[in-house]
Amino acid sequence: PSTILTEEEAEQKIRDLLAKIKAGADFAELAKQHSEDPGSANLGGDLGWANPGMFVPVFEQTMNELQPGQISEPFRSEFGWHVLQVLERRDDDQTE
């Protein structure tokens, strides 16, 4: 079971996790161990391909500012604290 953290503790925890990633720790492994997102935690934080409008604005804005391979600084949304890595981008015409 997860421990309830104060806002300050949650921010410090995610900053510590980002430091581990920057030092060479595996992003997916840390996500499996620490993410509280029921949809992506077991997938190593993988959210799959994203379409515009899929996520809350702060999440989408942060995602759009990253280049493939880049990792965000910790940021907060209404769902909690996040660190985001964009792995790839694609243009996919969904019209017929």
PDB file of N, CA and C in Angstrom:
ATOM      1  N   PRO A   1       0.830  -1.198   0.000  1.00  0.00           N
ATOM      2  CA  PRO A   1       0.000   0.000   0.000  1.00  0.00           C
ATOM      3  C   PRO A   1       0.871   1.256   0.000  1.00  0.00           C
ATOM      4  N   SER A   2       0.399   2.292  -0.682  1.00  0.00           N
ATOM      5  CA  SER A   2       1.178   3.519  -0.763  1.00  0.00           C
ATOM      6  C   SER A   2       1.025   4.321   0.527  1.00  0.00           C
ATOM      7  N   THR A   3       2.052   5.059   0.844  1.00  0.00           N
ATOM      8  CA  THR A   3       2.057   5.926   2.007  1.00  0.00           C
ATOM      9  C   THR A   3       1.568   7.301   1.577  1.00  0.00           C
ATOM     10  N   ILE A   4       0.759   7.934   2.387  1.00  0.00           N
ATOM     11  CA  ILE A   4       0.305   9.277   2.064  1.00  0.00           C
ATOM     12  C   ILE A   4       1.430  10.250   2.385  1.00  0.00           C
ATOM     13  N   LEU A   5       1.807  11.024   1.371  1.00  0.00           N
ATOM     14  CA  LEU A   5       2.898  11.975   1.512  1.00  0.00           C
ATOM     15  C   LEU A   5       2.348  13.391   1.552  1.00  0.00           C
ATOM     16  N   THR A   6       3.057  14.273   2.245  1.00  0.00           N
ATOM     17  CA  THR A   6       2.713  15.690   2.159  1.00  0.00           C
ATOM     18  C   THR A   6       3.125  16.170   0.771  1.00  0.00           C
ATOM     19  N   GLU A   7       2.664  17.338   0.407  1.00  0.00           N
ATOM     20  CA  GLU A   7       3.024  17.928  -0.885  1.00  0.00           C
ATOM     21  C   GLU A   7       4.542  18.047  -1.008  1.00  0.00           C
ATOM     22  N   GLU A   8       5.194  18.497   0.057  1.00  0.00           N
ATOM     23  CA  GLU A   8       6.633  18.667   0.038  1.00  0.00           C
ATOM     24  C   GLU A   8       7.354  17.320  -0.090  1.00  0.00           C
ATOM     25  N   GLU A   9       6.864  16.313   0.610  1.00  0.00           N
ATOM     26  CA  GLU A   9       7.472  14.974   0.532  1.00  0.00           C
ATOM     27  C   GLU A   9       7.300  14.377  -0.865  1.00  0.00           C
ATOM     28  N   ALA A  10       6.132  14.584  -1.456  1.00  0.00           N
ATOM     29  CA  ALA A  10       5.885  14.054  -2.797  1.00  0.00           C
ATOM     30  C   ALA A  10       6.808  14.721  -3.810  1.00  0.00           C
ATOM     31  N   GLU A  11       6.968  16.038  -3.714  1.00  0.00           N
ATOM     32  CA  GLU A  11       7.865  16.743  -4.625  1.00  0.00           C
ATOM     33  C   GLU A  11       9.301  16.280  -4.430  1.00  0.00           C
ATOM     34  N   GLN A  12       9.726  16.124  -3.188  1.00  0.00           N
ATOM     35  CA  GLN A  12      11.099  15.668  -2.933  1.00  0.00           C
ATOM     36  C   GLN A  12      11.311  14.251  -3.464  1.00  0.00           C
ATOM     37  N   LYS A  13      10.320  13.390  -3.303  1.00  0.00           N
ATOM     38  CA  LYS A  13      10.435  12.015  -3.795  1.00  0.00           C
ATOM     39  C   LYS A  13      10.620  12.000  -5.305  1.00  0.00           C
ATOM     40  N   ILE A  14       9.827  12.793  -6.021  1.00  0.00           N
ATOM     41  CA  ILE A  14       9.947  12.768  -7.478  1.00  0.00           C
ATOM     42  C   ILE A  14      11.257  13.405  -7.928  1.00  0.00           C
ATOM     43  N   ARG A  15      11.726  14.413  -7.215  1.00  0.00           N
ATOM     44  CA  ARG A  15      13.029  15.003  -7.559  1.00  0.00           C
ATOM     45  C   ARG A  15      14.156  13.991  -7.320  1.00  0.00           C
ATOM     46  N   ASP A  16      14.034  13.191  -6.261  1.00  0.00           N
ATOM     47  CA  ASP A  16      15.021  12.140  -5.993  1.00  0.00           C
ATOM     48  C   ASP A  16      14.989  11.076  -7.091  1.00  0.00           C
ATOM     49  N   LEU A  17      13.794  10.714  -7.548  1.00  0.00           N
ATOM     50  CA  LEU A  17      13.673   9.730  -8.622  1.00  0.00           C
ATOM     51  C   LEU A  17      14.277  10.267  -9.920  1.00  0.00           C
ATOM     52  N   LEU A  18      14.038  11.544 -10.213  1.00  0.00           N
ATOM     53  CA  LEU A  18      14.622  12.141 -11.414  1.00  0.00           C
ATOM     54  C   LEU A  18      16.144  12.136 -11.320  1.00  0.00           C
ATOM     55  N   ALA A  19      16.681  12.418 -10.158  1.00  0.00           N
ATOM     56  CA  ALA A  19      18.140  12.382  -9.980  1.00  0.00           C
ATOM     57  C   ALA A  19      18.682  10.981 -10.263  1.00  0.00           C
ATOM     58  N   LYS A  20      17.953   9.962  -9.825  1.00  0.00           N
ATOM     59  CA  LYS A  20      18.371   8.579 -10.095  1.00  0.00           C
ATOM     60  C   LYS A  20      18.352   8.280 -11.593  1.00  0.00           C
ATOM     61  N   ILE A  21      17.324   8.759 -12.282  1.00  0.00           N
ATOM     62  CA  ILE A  21      17.226   8.556 -13.727  1.00  0.00           C
ATOM     63  C   ILE A  21      18.394   9.248 -14.423  1.00  0.00           C
ATOM     64  N   LYS A  22      18.677  10.479 -14.032  1.00  0.00           N
ATOM     65  CA  LYS A  22      19.789  11.223 -14.647  1.00  0.00           C
ATOM     66  C   LYS A  22      21.132  10.559 -14.356  1.00  0.00           C
ATOM     67  N   ALA A  23      21.192   9.808 -13.245  1.00  0.00           N
ATOM     68  CA  ALA A  23      22.433   9.103 -12.888  1.00  0.00           C
ATOM     69  C   ALA A  23      22.517   7.727 -13.554  1.00  0.00           C
ATOM     70  N   GLY A  24      21.493   7.378 -14.357  1.00  0.00           N
ATOM     71  CA  GLY A  24      21.568   6.131 -15.101  1.00  0.00           C
ATOM     72  C   GLY A  24      20.552   5.069 -14.739  1.00  0.00           C
ATOM     73  N   ALA A  25      19.702   5.329 -13.737  1.00  0.00           N
ATOM     74  CA  ALA A  25      18.676   4.344 -13.379  1.00  0.00           C
ATOM     75  C   ALA A  25      17.668   4.217 -14.519  1.00  0.00           C
ATOM     76  N   ASP A  26      17.045   3.067 -14.623  1.00  0.00           N
ATOM     77  CA  ASP A  26      16.087   2.797 -15.689  1.00  0.00           C
ATOM     78  C   ASP A  26      14.739   3.455 -15.382  1.00  0.00           C
ATOM     79  N   PHE A  27      14.298   4.340 -16.279  1.00  0.00           N
ATOM     80  CA  PHE A  27      13.036   5.062 -16.099  1.00  0.00           C
ATOM     81  C   PHE A  27      11.881   4.084 -15.867  1.00  0.00           C
ATOM     82  N   ALA A  28      11.771   3.068 -16.729  1.00  0.00           N
ATOM     83  CA  ALA A  28      10.652   2.121 -16.649  1.00  0.00           C
ATOM     84  C   ALA A  28      10.664   1.348 -15.334  1.00  0.00           C
ATOM     85  N   GLU A  29      11.838   0.959 -14.884  1.00  0.00           N
ATOM     86  CA  GLU A  29      11.922   0.197 -13.633  1.00  0.00           C
ATOM     87  C   GLU A  29      11.492   1.056 -12.445  1.00  0.00           C
ATOM     88  N   LEU A  30      11.932   2.311 -12.425  1.00  0.00           N
ATOM     89  CA  LEU A  30      11.516   3.204 -11.336  1.00  0.00           C
ATOM     90  C   LEU A  30      10.010   3.466 -11.402  1.00  0.00           C
ATOM     91  N   ALA A  31       9.473   3.586 -12.607  1.00  0.00           N
ATOM     92  CA  ALA A  31       8.020   3.783 -12.740  1.00  0.00           C
ATOM     93  C   ALA A  31       7.263   2.574 -12.201  1.00  0.00           C
ATOM     94  N   LYS A  32       7.746   1.378 -12.502  1.00  0.00           N
ATOM     95  CA  LYS A  32       7.095   0.168 -11.988  1.00  0.00           C
ATOM     96  C   LYS A  32       7.092   0.160 -10.459  1.00  0.00           C
ATOM     97  N   GLN A  33       8.192   0.616  -9.865  1.00  0.00           N
ATOM     98  CA  GLN A  33       8.330   0.581  -8.411  1.00  0.00           C
ATOM     99  C   GLN A  33       7.581   1.712  -7.704  1.00  0.00           C
ATOM    100  N   HIS A  34       7.486   2.876  -8.352  1.00  0.00           N
ATOM    101  CA  HIS A  34       7.016   4.051  -7.627  1.00  0.00           C
ATOM    102  C   HIS A  34       5.753   4.712  -8.158  1.00  0.00           C
ATOM    103  N   SER A  35       5.378   4.441  -9.410  1.00  0.00           N
ATOM    104  CA  SER A  35       4.206   5.104  -9.976  1.00  0.00           C
ATOM    105  C   SER A  35       2.934   4.620  -9.282  1.00  0.00           C
ATOM    106  N   GLU A  36       2.015   5.543  -9.075  1.00  0.00           N
ATOM    107  CA  GLU A  36       0.717   5.195  -8.512  1.00  0.00           C
ATOM    108  C   GLU A  36      -0.371   5.268  -9.572  1.00  0.00           C
ATOM    109  N   ASP A  37       0.028   5.362 -10.854  1.00  0.00           N
ATOM    110  CA  ASP A  37      -0.946   5.385 -11.940  1.00  0.00           C
ATOM    111  C   ASP A  37      -1.363   3.958 -12.253  1.00  0.00           C
ATOM    112  N   PRO A  38      -2.634   3.610 -12.007  1.00  0.00           N
ATOM    113  CA  PRO A  38      -3.053   2.220 -12.199  1.00  0.00           C
ATOM    114  C   PRO A  38      -2.951   1.747 -13.643  1.00  0.00           C
ATOM    115  N   GLY A  39      -3.057   2.668 -14.596  1.00  0.00           N
ATOM    116  CA  GLY A  39      -3.020   2.262 -15.992  1.00  0.00           C
ATOM    117  C   GLY A  39      -1.636   2.019 -16.545  1.00  0.00           C
ATOM    118  N   SER A  40      -0.627   2.711 -16.017  1.00  0.00           N
ATOM    119  CA  SER A  40       0.698   2.627 -16.639  1.00  0.00           C
ATOM    120  C   SER A  40       1.806   2.096 -15.742  1.00  0.00           C
ATOM    121  N   ALA A  41       1.580   2.000 -14.453  1.00  0.00           N
ATOM    122  CA  ALA A  41       2.661   1.591 -13.543  1.00  0.00           C
ATOM    123  C   ALA A  41       3.258   0.242 -13.936  1.00  0.00           C
ATOM    124  N   ASN A  42       2.412  -0.746 -14.166  1.00  0.00           N
ATOM    125  CA  ASN A  42       2.919  -2.081 -14.513  1.00  0.00           C
ATOM    126  C   ASN A  42       3.585  -2.120 -15.876  1.00  0.00           C
ATOM    127  N   LEU A  43       3.337  -1.101 -16.684  1.00  0.00           N
ATOM    128  CA  LEU A  43       3.945  -1.006 -18.009  1.00  0.00           C
ATOM    129  C   LEU A  43       5.196  -0.141 -17.983  1.00  0.00           C
ATOM    130  N   GLY A  44       5.725   0.106 -16.800  1.00  0.00           N
ATOM    131  CA  GLY A  44       6.914   0.942 -16.687  1.00  0.00           C
ATOM    132  C   GLY A  44       6.642   2.394 -17.021  1.00  0.00           C
ATOM    133  N   GLY A  45       5.400   2.818 -16.795  1.00  0.00           N
ATOM    134  CA  GLY A  45       5.036   4.208 -17.051  1.00  0.00           C
ATOM    135  C   GLY A  45       4.638   4.476 -18.488  1.00  0.00           C
ATOM    136  N   ASP A  46       4.620   3.456 -19.328  1.00  0.00           N
ATOM    137  CA  ASP A  46       4.314   3.648 -20.743  1.00  0.00           C
ATOM    138  C   ASP A  46       2.839   3.995 -20.925  1.00  0.00           C
ATOM    139  N   LEU A  47       2.571   5.170 -21.497  1.00  0.00           N
ATOM    140  CA  LEU A  47       1.209   5.622 -21.746  1.00  0.00           C
ATOM    141  C   LEU A  47       0.771   5.339 -23.180  1.00  0.00           C
ATOM    142  N   GLY A  48       1.647   4.754 -23.979  1.00  0.00           N
ATOM    143  CA  GLY A  48       1.310   4.480 -25.370  1.00  0.00           C
ATOM    144  C   GLY A  48       1.339   5.747 -26.199  1.00  0.00           C
ATOM    145  N   TRP A  49       0.840   5.635 -27.428  1.00  0.00           N
ATOM    146  CA  TRP A  49       0.777   6.806 -28.306  1.00  0.00           C
ATOM    147  C   TRP A  49      -0.299   7.742 -27.803  1.00  0.00           C
ATOM    148  N   ALA A  50      -0.025   9.028 -27.840  1.00  0.00           N
ATOM    149  CA  ALA A  50      -0.964  10.032 -27.351  1.00  0.00           C
ATOM    150  C   ALA A  50      -1.480  10.872 -28.515  1.00  0.00           C
ATOM    151  N   ASN A  51      -2.754  11.172 -28.468  1.00  0.00           N
ATOM    152  CA  ASN A  51      -3.364  12.079 -29.430  1.00  0.00           C
ATOM    153  C   ASN A  51      -3.633  13.407 -28.747  1.00  0.00           C
ATOM    154  N   PRO A  52      -3.672  14.501 -29.514  1.00  0.00           N
ATOM    155  CA  PRO A  52      -3.982  15.804 -28.900  1.00  0.00           C
ATOM    156  C   PRO A  52      -5.283  15.740 -28.116  1.00  0.00           C
ATOM    157  N   GLY A  53      -5.266  16.345 -26.937  1.00  0.00           N
ATOM    158  CA  GLY A  53      -6.455  16.399 -26.098  1.00  0.00           C
ATOM    159  C   GLY A  53      -6.652  15.201 -25.182  1.00  0.00           C
ATOM    160  N   MET A  54      -5.719  14.247 -25.205  1.00  0.00           N
ATOM    161  CA  MET A  54      -5.856  13.053 -24.362  1.00  0.00           C
ATOM    162  C   MET A  54      -5.581  13.319 -22.891  1.00  0.00           C
ATOM    163  N   PHE A  55      -4.710  14.281 -22.619  1.00  0.00           N
ATOM    164  CA  PHE A  55      -4.261  14.524 -21.253  1.00  0.00           C
ATOM    165  C   PHE A  55      -4.645  15.928 -20.796  1.00  0.00           C
ATOM    166  N   VAL A  56      -4.573  16.158 -19.486  1.00  0.00           N
ATOM    167  CA  VAL A  56      -4.857  17.489 -18.957  1.00  0.00           C
ATOM    168  C   VAL A  56      -3.846  18.479 -19.532  1.00  0.00           C
ATOM    169  N   PRO A  57      -4.222  19.771 -19.634  1.00  0.00           N
ATOM    170  CA  PRO A  57      -3.378  20.744 -20.330  1.00  0.00           C
ATOM    171  C   PRO A  57      -1.920  20.818 -19.873  1.00  0.00           C
ATOM    172  N   VAL A  58      -1.648  20.827 -18.567  1.00  0.00           N
ATOM    173  CA  VAL A  58      -0.254  20.952 -18.120  1.00  0.00           C
ATOM    174  C   VAL A  58       0.568  19.737 -18.554  1.00  0.00           C
ATOM    175  N   PHE A  59      -0.033  18.557 -18.566  1.00  0.00           N
ATOM    176  CA  PHE A  59       0.647  17.340 -18.986  1.00  0.00           C
ATOM    177  C   PHE A  59       0.932  17.408 -20.491  1.00  0.00           C
ATOM    178  N   GLU A  60      -0.082  17.795 -21.250  1.00  0.00           N
ATOM    179  CA  GLU A  60       0.077  17.879 -22.704  1.00  0.00           C
ATOM    180  C   GLU A  60       1.086  18.957 -23.095  1.00  0.00           C
ATOM    181  N   GLN A  61       1.040  20.097 -22.419  1.00  0.00           N
ATOM    182  CA  GLN A  61       1.989  21.179 -22.723  1.00  0.00           C
ATOM    183  C   GLN A  61       3.417  20.723 -22.460  1.00  0.00           C
ATOM    184  N   THR A  62       3.644  20.061 -21.325  1.00  0.00           N
ATOM    185  CA  THR A  62       4.977  19.572 -20.995  1.00  0.00           C
ATOM    186  C   THR A  62       5.425  18.537 -22.026  1.00  0.00           C
ATOM    187  N   MET A  63       4.532  17.633 -22.383  1.00  0.00           N
ATOM    188  CA  MET A  63       4.842  16.602 -23.374  1.00  0.00           C
ATOM    189  C   MET A  63       5.227  17.243 -24.707  1.00  0.00           C
ATOM    190  N   ASN A  64       4.491  18.266 -25.132  1.00  0.00           N
ATOM    191  CA  ASN A  64       4.739  18.900 -26.421  1.00  0.00           C
ATOM    192  C   ASN A  64       6.045  19.682 -26.461  1.00  0.00           C
ATOM    193  N   GLU A  65       6.541  20.100 -25.306  1.00  0.00           N
ATOM    194  CA  GLU A  65       7.793  20.864 -25.245  1.00  0.00           C
ATOM    195  C   GLU A  65       9.028  19.973 -25.296  1.00  0.00           C
ATOM    196  N   LEU A  66       8.857  18.669 -25.106  1.00  0.00           N
ATOM    197  CA  LEU A  66       9.993  17.749 -25.057  1.00  0.00           C
ATOM    198  C   LEU A  66      10.335  17.197 -26.438  1.00  0.00           C
ATOM    199  N   GLN A  67      11.618  17.012 -26.665  1.00  0.00           N
ATOM    200  CA  GLN A  67      12.087  16.320 -27.859  1.00  0.00           C
ATOM    201  C   GLN A  67      12.190  14.832 -27.530  1.00  0.00           C
ATOM    202  N   PRO A  68      12.127  13.956 -28.536  1.00  0.00           N
ATOM    203  CA  PRO A  68      12.290  12.523 -28.269  1.00  0.00           C
ATOM    204  C   PRO A  68      13.570  12.243 -27.474  1.00  0.00           C
ATOM    205  N   GLY A  69      13.430  11.445 -26.424  1.00  0.00           N
ATOM    206  CA  GLY A  69      14.554  11.106 -25.556  1.00  0.00           C
ATOM    207  C   GLY A  69      14.714  12.039 -24.380  1.00  0.00           C
ATOM    208  N   GLN A  70      14.064  13.191 -24.431  1.00  0.00           N
ATOM    209  CA  GLN A  70      14.188  14.185 -23.366  1.00  0.00           C
ATOM    210  C   GLN A  70      13.277  13.839 -22.200  1.00  0.00           C
ATOM    211  N   ILE A  71      13.721  14.172 -20.985  1.00  0.00           N
ATOM    212  CA  ILE A  71      12.956  13.943 -19.760  1.00  0.00           C
ATOM    213  C   ILE A  71      12.622  15.296 -19.143  1.00  0.00           C
ATOM    214  N   SER A  72      11.375  15.450 -18.721  1.00  0.00           N
ATOM    215  CA  SER A  72      10.939  16.713 -18.126  1.00  0.00           C
ATOM    216  C   SER A  72      11.484  16.879 -16.715  1.00  0.00           C
ATOM    217  N   GLU A  73      11.429  18.101 -16.256  1.00  0.00           N
ATOM    218  CA  GLU A  73      11.593  18.364 -14.836  1.00  0.00           C
ATOM    219  C   GLU A  73      10.288  17.938 -14.167  1.00  0.00           C
ATOM    220  N   PRO A  74      10.309  17.672 -12.867  1.00  0.00           N
ATOM    221  CA  PRO A  74       9.064  17.325 -12.181  1.00  0.00           C
ATOM    222  C   PRO A  74       8.032  18.448 -12.335  1.00  0.00           C
ATOM    223  N   PHE A  75       6.778  18.068 -12.551  1.00  0.00           N
ATOM    224  CA  PHE A  75       5.692  19.039 -12.628  1.00  0.00           C
ATOM    225  C   PHE A  75       4.450  18.427 -11.996  1.00  0.00           C
ATOM    226  N   ARG A  76       3.514  19.313 -11.648  1.00  0.00           N
ATOM    227  CA  ARG A  76       2.321  18.870 -10.937  1.00  0.00           C
ATOM    228  C   ARG A  76       1.080  19.109 -11.781  1.00  0.00           C
ATOM    229  N   SER A  77       0.179  18.146 -11.748  1.00  0.00           N
ATOM    230  CA  SER A  77      -1.142  18.311 -12.347  1.00  0.00           C
ATOM    231  C   SER A  77      -2.162  18.032 -11.252  1.00  0.00           C
ATOM    232  N   GLU A  78      -3.419  18.047 -11.619  1.00  0.00           N
ATOM    233  CA  GLU A  78      -4.469  17.737 -10.642  1.00  0.00           C
ATOM    234  C   GLU A  78      -4.384  16.289 -10.164  1.00  0.00           C
ATOM    235  N   PHE A  79      -3.605  15.454 -10.860  1.00  0.00           N
ATOM    236  CA  PHE A  79      -3.475  14.041 -10.494  1.00  0.00           C
ATOM    237  C   PHE A  79      -2.233  13.747  -9.665  1.00  0.00           C
ATOM    238  N   GLY A  80      -1.383  14.749  -9.439  1.00  0.00           N
ATOM    239  CA  GLY A  80      -0.181  14.542  -8.640  1.00  0.00           C
ATOM    240  C   GLY A  80       1.063  15.010  -9.375  1.00  0.00           C
ATOM    241  N   TRP A  81       2.195  14.483  -8.950  1.00  0.00           N
ATOM    242  CA  TRP A  81       3.493  14.858  -9.514  1.00  0.00           C
ATOM    243  C   TRP A  81       3.880  13.894 -10.621  1.00  0.00           C
ATOM    244  N   HIS A  82       4.562  14.438 -11.627  1.00  0.00           N
ATOM    245  CA  HIS A  82       4.946  13.649 -12.793  1.00  0.00           C
ATOM    246  C   HIS A  82       6.367  13.974 -13.231  1.00  0.00           C
ATOM    247  N   VAL A  83       7.016  12.991 -13.825  1.00  0.00           N
ATOM    248  CA  VAL A  83       8.207  13.168 -14.638  1.00  0.00           C
ATOM    249  C   VAL A  83       7.869  12.474 -15.947  1.00  0.00           C
ATOM    250  N   LEU A  84       8.104  13.142 -17.040  1.00  0.00           N
ATOM    251  CA  LEU A  84       7.644  12.669 -18.335  1.00  0.00           C
ATOM    252  C   LEU A  84       8.825  12.519 -19.284  1.00  0.00           C
ATOM    253  N   GLN A  85       8.848  11.417 -20.022  1.00  0.00           N
ATOM    254  CA  GLN A  85       9.842  11.221 -21.066  1.00  0.00           C
ATOM    255  C   GLN A  85       9.110  10.920 -22.365  1.00  0.00           C
ATOM    256  N   VAL A  86       9.460  11.665 -23.411  1.00  0.00           N
ATOM    257  CA  VAL A  86       8.924  11.391 -24.736  1.00  0.00           C
ATOM    258  C   VAL A  86       9.914  10.467 -25.424  1.00  0.00           C
ATOM    259  N   LEU A  87       9.429   9.310 -25.863  1.00  0.00           N
ATOM    260  CA  LEU A  87      10.304   8.349 -26.533  1.00  0.00           C
ATOM    261  C   LEU A  87      10.343   8.573 -28.038  1.00  0.00           C
ATOM    262  N   GLU A  88       9.185   8.805 -28.643  1.00  0.00           N
ATOM    263  CA  GLU A  88       9.101   8.998 -30.089  1.00  0.00           C
ATOM    264  C   GLU A  88       7.953   9.944 -30.408  1.00  0.00           C
ATOM    265  N   ARG A  89       7.986  10.479 -31.611  1.00  0.00           N
ATOM    266  CA  ARG A  89       6.875  11.263 -32.143  1.00  0.00           C
ATOM    267  C   ARG A  89       6.531  10.690 -33.512  1.00  0.00           C
ATOM    268  N   ARG A  90       5.272  10.810 -33.876  1.00  0.00           N
ATOM    269  CA  ARG A  90       4.865  10.397 -35.220  1.00  0.00           C
ATOM    270  C   ARG A  90       3.725  11.291 -35.691  1.00  0.00           C
ATOM    271  N   ASP A  91       3.640  11.424 -36.990  1.00  0.00           N
ATOM    272  CA  ASP A  91       2.500  12.071 -37.625  1.00  0.00           C
ATOM    273  C   ASP A  91       1.682  10.959 -38.226  1.00  0.00           C
ATOM    274  N   ASP A  92       0.423  10.905 -37.851  1.00  0.00           N
ATOM    275  CA  ASP A  92      -0.440   9.829 -38.332  1.00  0.00           C
ATOM    276  C   ASP A  92      -1.754  10.453 -38.790  1.00  0.00           C
ATOM    277  N   ASP A  93      -2.001  10.405 -40.072  1.00  0.00           N
ATOM    278  CA  ASP A  93      -3.223  10.959 -40.619  1.00  0.00           C
ATOM    279  C   ASP A  93      -4.373  10.004 -40.343  1.00  0.00           C
ATOM    280  N   GLN A  94      -5.288  10.409 -39.474  1.00  0.00           N
ATOM    281  CA  GLN A  94      -6.401   9.555 -39.080  1.00  0.00           C
ATOM    282  C   GLN A  94      -7.625   9.766 -39.975  1.00  0.00           C
ATOM    283  N   THR A  95      -7.523  10.656 -40.972  1.00  0.00           N
ATOM    284  CA  THR A  95      -8.665  10.874 -41.860  1.00  0.00           C
ATOM    285  C   THR A  95      -8.692   9.801 -42.938  1.00  0.00           C
ATOM    286  N   GLU A  96      -9.833   9.645 -43.530  1.00  0.00           N
ATOM    287  CA  GLU A  96      -9.936   8.684 -44.629  1.00  0.00           C
ATOM    288  C   GLU A  96      -9.785   9.437 -45.930  1.00  0.00           C
TER     289      GLU A  96
END
